[in-house]
N, C-alpha and C. Protein backbone atom coordinates (compact mmCIF):
# COMPACT_ATOMS: atom_id res chain seq x y z
N MET A 1 0.64 -1.15 0.19
CA MET A 1 0.14 0.22 -0.19
C MET A 1 0.89 1.19 -0.24
N GLU A 2 0.68 2.18 -1.12
CA GLU A 2 1.45 3.30 -1.23
C GLU A 2 0.94 4.44 0.34
N PRO A 3 1.73 4.83 0.63
CA PRO A 3 1.92 5.72 1.96
C PRO A 3 1.01 7.30 1.71
N TYR A 4 0.70 7.95 2.34
CA TYR A 4 0.09 9.10 1.85
C TYR A 4 1.36 10.15 2.11
N LEU A 5 1.52 11.11 1.33
CA LEU A 5 2.68 11.86 1.49
C LEU A 5 2.59 13.05 2.67
N GLY A 6 3.45 13.05 3.49
CA GLY A 6 3.69 13.46 4.71
C GLY A 6 3.27 12.41 5.73
N GLU A 7 3.11 11.40 5.53
CA GLU A 7 2.49 10.52 6.62
C GLU A 7 3.89 10.03 7.48
N ILE A 8 3.81 10.05 8.77
CA ILE A 8 4.65 9.87 9.64
C ILE A 8 4.64 8.24 10.19
N LYS A 9 6.07 7.24 10.36
CA LYS A 9 5.74 6.24 10.99
C LYS A 9 7.20 6.02 11.53
N LEU A 10 6.92 4.90 12.69
CA LEU A 10 7.91 4.17 13.07
C LEU A 10 8.74 2.93 12.31
N PHE A 11 10.31 2.97 12.11
CA PHE A 11 10.85 2.10 11.64
C PHE A 11 11.79 1.69 12.64
N PRO A 12 11.99 0.23 12.68
CA PRO A 12 13.40 -0.37 13.80
C PRO A 12 14.73 -0.40 12.77
N LEU A 13 15.01 0.48 11.93
CA LEU A 13 15.74 0.70 11.15
C LEU A 13 16.98 1.73 11.24
N THR A 14 17.93 1.68 10.73
CA THR A 14 19.05 2.51 10.87
C THR A 14 18.99 3.62 9.85
N TYR A 15 18.16 3.30 8.90
CA TYR A 15 18.01 3.98 7.64
C TYR A 15 16.65 4.42 7.50
N ALA A 16 16.06 5.14 6.59
CA ALA A 16 14.83 5.39 5.72
C ALA A 16 14.95 4.38 4.78
N PRO A 17 13.44 3.93 4.79
CA PRO A 17 13.15 3.13 3.63
C PRO A 17 13.26 3.91 2.13
N GLN A 18 13.29 3.42 0.69
CA GLN A 18 13.08 4.35 -0.33
C GLN A 18 11.57 4.88 -0.20
N GLY A 19 11.57 6.54 -0.56
CA GLY A 19 10.73 7.11 -0.65
C GLY A 19 10.30 7.32 0.62
N TRP A 20 10.88 7.64 1.66
CA TRP A 20 11.12 8.24 3.30
C TRP A 20 11.96 8.61 3.65
N ALA A 21 11.83 9.67 4.44
CA ALA A 21 13.16 10.46 5.36
C ALA A 21 13.19 10.23 6.55
N ILE A 22 14.24 10.03 7.04
CA ILE A 22 14.20 10.06 8.80
C ILE A 22 13.71 11.72 9.35
N CYS A 23 12.84 11.85 10.22
CA CYS A 23 12.31 13.05 10.70
C CYS A 23 13.67 13.92 11.62
N ASN A 24 14.28 14.27 11.19
CA ASN A 24 15.64 14.61 11.72
C ASN A 24 15.69 16.37 11.57
N GLY A 25 14.89 16.93 10.95
CA GLY A 25 14.88 18.42 10.84
C GLY A 25 15.49 18.69 9.80
N ALA A 26 16.14 17.90 9.00
CA ALA A 26 16.88 18.18 7.51
C ALA A 26 16.01 19.30 6.63
N LEU A 27 16.91 19.99 6.27
CA LEU A 27 15.99 21.13 5.13
C LEU A 27 16.24 20.59 3.73
N LEU A 28 14.73 20.66 3.11
CA LEU A 28 14.83 19.85 1.65
C LEU A 28 14.25 21.26 0.73
N PRO A 29 15.15 21.13 -0.89
CA PRO A 29 14.52 22.24 -1.44
C PRO A 29 13.21 22.19 -1.58
N ILE A 30 12.62 23.13 -1.73
CA ILE A 30 10.98 23.73 -2.40
C ILE A 30 10.89 23.00 -3.57
N SER A 31 11.82 23.37 -4.52
CA SER A 31 12.13 23.13 -6.23
C SER A 31 11.37 22.08 -6.11
N SER A 32 11.94 21.13 -5.58
CA SER A 32 12.13 19.30 -6.14
C SER A 32 10.93 18.84 -4.80
N ASN A 33 10.54 19.57 -4.05
CA ASN A 33 9.58 18.61 -3.00
C ASN A 33 8.13 19.64 -2.70
N GLN A 34 7.81 19.65 -3.83
CA GLN A 34 6.69 21.29 -3.81
C GLN A 34 5.25 20.48 -3.41
N ALA A 35 5.19 19.70 -3.65
CA ALA A 35 3.69 18.75 -3.00
C ALA A 35 3.72 18.56 -1.19
N LEU A 36 5.14 18.26 -1.13
CA LEU A 36 5.43 18.03 0.76
C LEU A 36 5.18 19.34 0.75
N PHE A 37 6.00 19.97 0.27
CA PHE A 37 5.94 21.49 1.03
C PHE A 37 4.60 22.06 1.20
N SER A 38 3.99 22.00 0.47
CA SER A 38 2.46 22.72 0.33
C SER A 38 1.80 21.88 1.57
N LEU A 39 2.24 20.70 2.09
CA LEU A 39 1.46 20.02 3.17
C LEU A 39 2.19 20.43 4.48
N LEU A 40 3.32 20.91 4.62
CA LEU A 40 4.13 20.92 5.70
C LEU A 40 4.64 22.63 5.84
N SER A 41 4.71 23.24 4.48
CA SER A 41 5.17 24.95 4.89
C SER A 41 6.24 24.99 5.78
N ASN A 42 6.71 25.86 6.25
CA ASN A 42 7.86 25.84 6.55
C ASN A 42 7.65 25.87 8.46
N ARG A 43 6.56 25.32 8.89
CA ARG A 43 6.47 25.34 10.04
C ARG A 43 7.24 24.52 11.22
N TYR A 44 8.27 23.84 10.61
CA TYR A 44 9.07 23.07 11.12
C TYR A 44 10.39 23.43 11.11
N GLY A 45 10.76 24.66 10.58
CA GLY A 45 11.68 25.40 9.82
C GLY A 45 11.87 25.63 8.46
N GLY A 46 13.08 26.31 8.31
CA GLY A 46 13.73 26.45 7.05
C GLY A 46 12.90 28.04 6.47
N ASP A 47 13.47 28.54 5.42
CA ASP A 47 12.92 29.71 5.14
C ASP A 47 11.96 30.01 4.32
N GLY A 48 10.93 28.77 3.92
CA GLY A 48 9.80 29.19 3.36
C GLY A 48 9.78 29.53 1.87
N LYS A 49 11.20 30.03 1.28
CA LYS A 49 11.35 30.56 0.31
C LYS A 49 12.15 29.55 -0.78
N THR A 50 13.25 29.00 -0.48
CA THR A 50 13.98 28.17 -1.38
C THR A 50 14.07 26.71 -0.30
N ASN A 51 13.68 26.64 1.03
CA ASN A 51 13.74 25.51 1.56
C ASN A 51 12.57 25.03 2.62
N PHE A 52 12.74 24.02 3.53
CA PHE A 52 11.79 24.26 4.18
C PHE A 52 12.23 22.68 5.07
N ALA A 53 12.03 22.40 6.34
CA ALA A 53 12.37 21.24 7.09
C ALA A 53 11.52 20.39 7.21
N LEU A 54 11.99 19.13 7.39
CA LEU A 54 11.16 18.13 7.59
C LEU A 54 10.85 18.30 9.68
N PRO A 55 9.76 17.45 10.05
CA PRO A 55 10.24 17.58 11.40
C PRO A 55 11.01 16.87 11.92
N ASP A 56 11.34 17.21 13.28
CA ASP A 56 12.79 16.88 14.02
C ASP A 56 12.10 16.06 15.33
N LEU A 57 11.96 14.73 14.92
CA LEU A 57 11.56 14.30 16.25
C LEU A 57 12.54 13.33 17.32
N ARG A 58 13.99 13.61 16.93
CA ARG A 58 14.74 13.18 17.58
C ARG A 58 14.60 13.53 19.28
N GLY A 59 14.86 12.57 20.04
CA GLY A 59 14.75 13.18 21.49
C GLY A 59 13.28 13.74 22.11
N ARG A 60 11.95 13.61 20.98
CA ARG A 60 10.81 13.77 21.21
C ARG A 60 10.09 13.05 21.21
N VAL A 61 8.66 13.08 21.95
CA VAL A 61 7.53 12.29 21.78
C VAL A 61 6.21 13.05 20.91
N PRO A 62 5.92 12.46 19.97
CA PRO A 62 4.83 13.21 19.33
C PRO A 62 3.47 13.37 20.25
N VAL A 63 2.61 14.39 19.97
CA VAL A 63 1.64 14.50 20.63
C VAL A 63 0.95 15.18 19.66
N SER A 64 -0.85 14.66 20.11
CA SER A 64 -1.86 15.01 18.96
C SER A 64 -2.20 16.51 19.16
N THR A 65 -2.41 17.38 18.28
CA THR A 65 -2.89 18.94 18.52
C THR A 65 -4.39 18.50 19.07
N GLY A 66 -4.97 19.84 19.52
CA GLY A 66 -6.54 20.09 19.99
C GLY A 66 -6.11 21.32 20.49
N ASN A 67 -7.13 21.18 21.63
CA ASN A 67 -7.31 22.76 22.26
C ASN A 67 -6.38 23.26 23.13
N ALA A 68 -5.51 22.47 23.49
CA ALA A 68 -4.08 23.01 24.41
C ALA A 68 -3.42 23.36 23.24
N LEU A 69 -2.74 22.36 22.22
CA LEU A 69 -1.83 22.11 21.40
C LEU A 69 -2.35 22.27 20.04
N PRO A 70 -3.10 24.09 19.82
CA PRO A 70 -3.61 24.22 18.27
C PRO A 70 -2.88 24.19 17.22
N THR A 71 -1.53 24.28 17.00
CA THR A 71 -0.89 24.32 15.89
C THR A 71 0.21 23.16 15.63
N PRO A 72 -0.14 22.41 14.52
CA PRO A 72 1.26 21.72 14.67
C PRO A 72 2.37 22.36 14.20
N GLY A 73 3.51 21.41 14.82
CA GLY A 73 5.10 22.09 14.76
C GLY A 73 5.33 22.93 16.51
N LEU A 74 4.52 22.86 16.96
CA LEU A 74 4.80 23.20 18.33
C LEU A 74 5.52 22.59 19.04
N LYS A 75 6.79 23.26 19.70
CA LYS A 75 7.66 22.19 20.84
C LYS A 75 7.46 22.42 22.12
N GLY A 76 7.76 21.50 22.81
CA GLY A 76 7.79 21.78 24.53
C GLY A 76 8.57 20.96 25.02
N GLY A 77 8.69 21.05 26.62
CA GLY A 77 9.07 19.88 27.55
C GLY A 77 10.89 19.88 27.09
N GLU A 78 11.55 19.45 28.16
CA GLU A 78 12.99 19.60 28.36
C GLU A 78 13.66 17.88 28.72
N GLU A 79 14.44 17.64 28.04
CA GLU A 79 15.40 16.19 28.33
C GLU A 79 15.93 16.39 29.49
N THR A 80 16.32 17.36 29.86
CA THR A 80 16.83 17.52 31.37
C THR A 80 16.24 18.91 32.10
N VAL A 81 16.39 18.46 33.50
CA VAL A 81 15.87 19.90 34.20
C VAL A 81 16.88 20.07 35.66
N SER A 82 17.15 21.32 35.78
CA SER A 82 17.49 21.61 36.79
C SER A 82 16.39 22.41 37.66
N LEU A 83 16.33 21.40 38.73
CA LEU A 83 15.36 21.77 39.96
C LEU A 83 16.06 23.01 40.68
N THR A 84 14.95 24.10 40.84
CA THR A 84 15.33 24.78 41.67
C THR A 84 14.86 25.05 43.60
N ALA A 85 14.99 25.63 44.36
CA ALA A 85 14.94 25.42 45.57
C ALA A 85 13.43 25.54 45.80
N GLN A 86 12.89 26.27 44.79
CA GLN A 86 11.38 26.52 44.88
C GLN A 86 10.49 25.17 44.59
N GLN A 87 11.22 24.46 43.59
CA GLN A 87 10.58 23.28 42.55
C GLN A 87 10.58 21.99 43.83
N VAL A 88 11.52 22.13 45.00
CA VAL A 88 11.69 20.83 45.92
C VAL A 88 10.53 21.06 47.00
N PRO A 89 9.94 19.80 47.33
CA PRO A 89 8.86 20.20 48.40
C PRO A 89 9.60 20.45 49.67
N GLN A 90 8.96 21.06 50.57
CA GLN A 90 9.46 21.46 51.69
C GLN A 90 9.54 20.06 52.69
N HIS A 91 11.02 19.94 53.32
CA HIS A 91 11.12 18.44 53.95
C HIS A 91 12.06 18.66 55.00
N THR A 92 12.30 17.52 56.00
CA THR A 92 13.21 17.40 56.83
C THR A 92 14.18 16.49 56.61
N HIS A 93 15.25 16.58 57.55
CA HIS A 93 16.45 15.36 57.18
C HIS A 93 16.24 15.16 59.05
N PRO A 94 16.43 13.58 59.45
CA PRO A 94 17.18 13.66 60.51
C PRO A 94 18.73 13.85 60.85
N VAL A 95 18.49 14.13 62.22
CA VAL A 95 20.36 14.41 62.44
C VAL A 95 20.44 13.57 63.57
N ASN A 96 21.66 12.52 63.40
CA ASN A 96 21.70 11.75 64.70
C ASN A 96 22.97 12.13 65.24
N VAL A 97 23.13 11.94 66.69
CA VAL A 97 24.04 12.40 67.46
C VAL A 97 24.76 11.31 68.28
N TYR A 98 26.03 11.23 68.46
CA TYR A 98 26.36 10.18 69.78
C TYR A 98 25.65 10.87 70.76
N PRO A 99 25.44 9.95 72.02
CA PRO A 99 24.98 10.21 73.17
C PRO A 99 25.82 10.83 74.33
N ASN A 100 27.25 10.63 73.82
CA ASN A 100 27.90 10.40 74.70
C ASN A 100 29.15 11.48 74.69
N ALA A 101 29.80 11.81 75.83
CA ALA A 101 30.94 12.65 75.66
C ALA A 101 32.13 12.61 74.27
N ALA A 102 32.27 13.55 73.59
CA ALA A 102 33.37 13.27 72.18
C ALA A 102 34.56 12.98 73.03
N ASN A 103 35.08 12.30 71.82
CA ASN A 103 36.60 11.93 72.11
C ASN A 103 37.36 11.88 70.71
N LYS A 104 37.12 12.50 69.62
CA LYS A 104 37.57 12.78 68.71
C LYS A 104 37.75 14.03 68.29
N PRO A 105 39.12 14.57 67.61
CA PRO A 105 38.79 15.95 67.09
C PRO A 105 38.34 16.62 65.52
N ALA A 106 38.26 15.13 64.63
CA ALA A 106 37.86 15.54 63.40
C ALA A 106 36.78 14.77 63.06
N GLY A 107 35.92 15.29 62.18
CA GLY A 107 34.58 15.13 61.57
C GLY A 107 34.36 13.78 60.89
N LEU A 108 35.31 13.44 60.01
CA LEU A 108 35.54 12.81 58.91
C LEU A 108 34.82 11.43 59.31
N GLY A 109 33.68 10.92 58.71
CA GLY A 109 33.60 9.43 59.36
C GLY A 109 33.22 9.10 60.80
N ASN A 110 32.59 10.16 61.25
CA ASN A 110 32.11 10.25 63.04
C ASN A 110 31.17 10.87 63.14
N HIS A 111 30.43 10.80 64.18
CA HIS A 111 29.20 11.32 64.91
C HIS A 111 29.31 12.66 65.41
N ILE A 112 28.65 13.78 65.41
CA ILE A 112 28.59 14.70 66.07
C ILE A 112 28.35 14.09 67.46
N ALA A 113 28.80 14.32 68.61
CA ALA A 113 28.80 14.19 70.03
C ALA A 113 27.82 15.03 70.92
N ALA A 114 27.14 14.74 71.43
CA ALA A 114 25.81 14.85 72.22
C ALA A 114 26.66 16.15 72.86
N ALA A 115 27.67 16.00 74.13
CA ALA A 115 28.27 16.43 74.81
C ALA A 115 29.93 16.71 74.34
N VAL A 116 30.40 17.59 74.83
CA VAL A 116 31.63 18.29 74.58
C VAL A 116 32.62 18.54 75.86
N THR A 117 33.81 17.95 75.86
CA THR A 117 34.31 18.08 77.28
C THR A 117 35.06 19.44 77.28
N ASN A 118 35.18 19.92 77.75
CA ASN A 118 35.86 21.23 78.07
C ASN A 118 37.34 21.21 79.07
N THR A 119 38.28 21.74 78.84
CA THR A 119 39.38 21.52 79.27
C THR A 119 40.13 22.48 79.70
N THR A 120 40.77 22.64 81.11
CA THR A 120 41.65 24.32 81.28
C THR A 120 43.09 23.24 81.74
N PRO A 121 44.27 23.83 80.94
CA PRO A 121 44.10 25.48 79.79
C PRO A 121 43.16 24.84 78.62
N ALA A 122 43.22 25.80 78.06
CA ALA A 122 42.17 25.75 76.68
C ALA A 122 43.08 24.73 75.72
N GLN A 123 42.64 23.54 75.23
CA GLN A 123 43.24 22.62 74.25
C GLN A 123 42.32 22.54 73.09
N ASN A 124 42.61 21.87 72.13
CA ASN A 124 41.79 21.33 71.29
C ASN A 124 40.59 20.74 71.65
N ILE A 125 39.53 21.12 71.46
CA ILE A 125 37.97 20.69 71.89
C ILE A 125 37.58 19.53 70.91
N ASN A 126 37.32 18.13 71.24
CA ASN A 126 37.10 17.03 70.88
C ASN A 126 35.27 17.36 70.73
N LEU A 127 35.04 17.25 69.62
CA LEU A 127 33.58 17.47 68.95
C LEU A 127 32.69 16.12 68.23
N TYR A 128 33.76 15.30 68.03
CA TYR A 128 33.20 14.21 67.80
C TYR A 128 33.40 13.00 68.02
N ALA A 129 32.27 11.81 67.89
CA ALA A 129 32.52 10.57 68.39
C ALA A 129 32.75 9.65 67.26
N PRO A 130 33.47 8.18 67.89
CA PRO A 130 33.26 7.29 66.45
C PRO A 130 31.94 6.82 65.86
N LEU A 131 31.78 6.46 64.71
CA LEU A 131 30.84 6.12 64.14
C LEU A 131 29.89 4.62 65.17
N GLY A 132 28.81 4.66 64.59
CA GLY A 132 28.19 3.26 65.68
C GLY A 132 26.72 3.06 65.18
N THR A 133 26.03 2.23 66.41
CA THR A 133 24.85 2.48 65.86
C THR A 133 24.05 3.07 67.13
N ASN A 134 25.26 3.06 68.25
CA ASN A 134 24.46 3.85 69.49
C ASN A 134 24.25 5.14 69.26
N THR A 135 23.25 5.78 68.55
CA THR A 135 22.96 7.09 68.08
C THR A 135 21.87 7.48 68.82
N ILE A 136 21.26 8.87 68.98
CA ILE A 136 20.04 9.26 69.34
C ILE A 136 19.39 10.48 68.03
N ALA A 137 18.29 10.56 68.10
CA ALA A 137 17.94 11.48 67.15
C ALA A 137 17.54 13.15 67.59
N LEU A 138 17.81 14.16 67.20
CA LEU A 138 17.85 15.23 67.51
C LEU A 138 16.52 15.62 67.09
N ALA A 139 16.26 16.82 67.41
CA ALA A 139 14.85 17.57 67.18
C ALA A 139 14.75 17.57 65.53
N PRO A 140 14.17 17.56 64.65
CA PRO A 140 13.94 17.74 63.34
C PRO A 140 14.65 18.93 62.84
N ALA A 141 15.40 18.82 61.84
CA ALA A 141 16.13 19.94 61.22
C ALA A 141 16.01 19.54 60.14
N THR A 142 16.52 21.11 59.19
CA THR A 142 16.92 21.26 57.91
C THR A 142 18.20 21.45 57.76
N VAL A 143 18.80 21.05 56.57
CA VAL A 143 20.28 21.11 55.84
C VAL A 143 20.17 22.18 55.29
N ASP A 144 21.11 22.92 54.82
CA ASP A 144 21.63 23.94 53.62
C ASP A 144 21.08 23.30 52.08
N THR A 145 21.08 23.74 51.26
CA THR A 145 20.69 23.53 49.90
C THR A 145 21.90 22.82 49.47
N GLN A 146 21.83 21.67 49.05
CA GLN A 146 22.88 20.82 48.25
C GLN A 146 22.76 20.23 46.53
N GLY A 147 23.74 20.13 46.20
CA GLY A 147 23.84 19.58 44.80
C GLY A 147 24.33 20.67 43.73
N ALA A 148 24.82 20.51 42.76
CA ALA A 148 25.68 21.06 41.70
C ALA A 148 24.82 21.87 40.71
N GLY A 149 23.40 21.57 40.97
CA GLY A 149 22.63 22.61 40.30
C GLY A 149 22.85 21.78 38.60
N ALA A 150 23.46 21.07 38.13
CA ALA A 150 23.31 19.88 36.90
C ALA A 150 21.61 19.20 37.07
N GLY A 151 21.57 19.37 35.29
CA GLY A 151 20.38 19.03 35.15
C GLY A 151 20.06 17.16 35.66
N HIS A 152 18.82 16.68 35.76
CA HIS A 152 18.43 15.55 35.85
C HIS A 152 17.58 14.92 34.60
N ASP A 153 17.97 13.71 34.36
CA ASP A 153 17.09 13.24 33.55
C ASP A 153 15.36 13.00 33.56
N ASN A 154 14.79 13.68 32.67
CA ASN A 154 13.63 13.87 32.73
C ASN A 154 12.81 13.72 31.52
N MET A 155 13.21 12.12 31.46
CA MET A 155 12.64 11.61 30.39
C MET A 155 11.76 10.34 30.82
N GLN A 156 10.94 9.84 29.91
CA GLN A 156 10.14 8.58 30.38
C GLN A 156 11.16 7.50 29.71
N PRO A 157 10.59 6.26 30.05
CA PRO A 157 11.32 5.33 29.61
C PRO A 157 11.05 5.08 28.25
N TRP A 158 12.20 4.76 27.79
CA TRP A 158 12.08 4.82 26.04
C TRP A 158 12.45 3.35 25.47
N LEU A 159 12.44 3.71 23.61
CA LEU A 159 12.93 2.34 23.08
C LEU A 159 13.53 3.07 21.67
N ALA A 160 14.46 3.32 21.40
CA ALA A 160 15.16 3.85 20.22
C ALA A 160 14.27 3.46 19.28
N LEU A 161 13.53 4.11 18.15
CA LEU A 161 13.12 3.51 16.47
C LEU A 161 13.40 5.02 16.17
N ASN A 162 13.58 4.82 14.58
CA ASN A 162 13.25 6.06 13.85
C ASN A 162 11.94 6.58 13.60
N TYR A 163 11.65 7.86 13.64
CA TYR A 163 10.37 8.12 12.96
C TYR A 163 10.77 8.61 11.80
N CYS A 164 10.21 8.10 10.68
CA CYS A 164 10.19 8.54 8.86
C CYS A 164 9.18 9.22 8.27
N ILE A 165 9.12 10.12 7.75
CA ILE A 165 7.97 10.71 6.88
C ILE A 165 8.43 10.26 5.53
N ALA A 166 7.00 10.18 4.70
CA ALA A 166 6.91 9.69 3.57
C ALA A 166 7.33 11.09 2.54
N ILE A 167 8.25 10.95 1.64
CA ILE A 167 8.60 11.99 1.12
C ILE A 167 8.18 12.01 -0.44
N SER A 168 7.41 10.63 -0.56
CA SER A 168 6.79 10.44 -1.92
C SER A 168 5.34 9.34 -1.58
N GLY A 169 4.44 9.59 -2.56
CA GLY A 169 3.56 8.83 -2.21
C GLY A 169 2.05 9.68 -2.75
N LEU A 170 0.98 9.26 -2.30
CA LEU A 170 -0.28 9.59 -2.36
C LEU A 170 -0.50 10.94 -1.79
N TYR A 171 -1.16 11.90 -2.58
CA TYR A 171 -1.33 13.34 -1.78
C TYR A 171 -2.65 13.40 -1.15
N PRO A 172 -2.65 13.41 0.10
CA PRO A 172 -3.87 13.27 0.98
C PRO A 172 -4.46 14.78 0.69
N GLN A 173 -5.95 14.02 0.06
CA GLN A 173 -7.16 15.12 -0.19
C GLN A 173 -7.85 15.82 0.96
N HIS A 174 -8.07 16.78 0.85
CA HIS A 174 -8.26 17.70 2.44
C HIS A 174 -10.42 17.16 2.04
N PRO A 175 -10.88 16.67 3.31
CA PRO A 175 -12.23 16.47 3.40
C PRO A 175 -13.18 17.79 2.95
């Protein structure tokens, strides 16, 4: 069955079959693709005088047009997102401390101790205790903002296939 010109299908191939082109935003000359240009115009790119672009569906999920998306060719969404502090729900983190007196001067790999031993004359004060399971929880507390601000993956689960558009075929008649 011959496809309609401009029809888009998924193919499990690394190339476009004859009469089809991968939907990768490629520019085509209007002069040799007048029928396809009459359907797509330059809504996906190009200057609309000498060339026009095919839809670019790389890294995108097509959605149907309707009330919220009235015009074919509109794009939205992001592959990655960097959250701001305003986008993270308010929450707390438990803070556990060692219930006995401190006996370590450095915090690396140790718990903060609940009690600090003061010495006279002044010496380095121990603030930490060894890691262990014998800890107690402090009142709920929050921590400072953390993270590098880099985007995190925002894509739904996916399977890579090629969207291809028919660049030759039957001209779809308007009803």
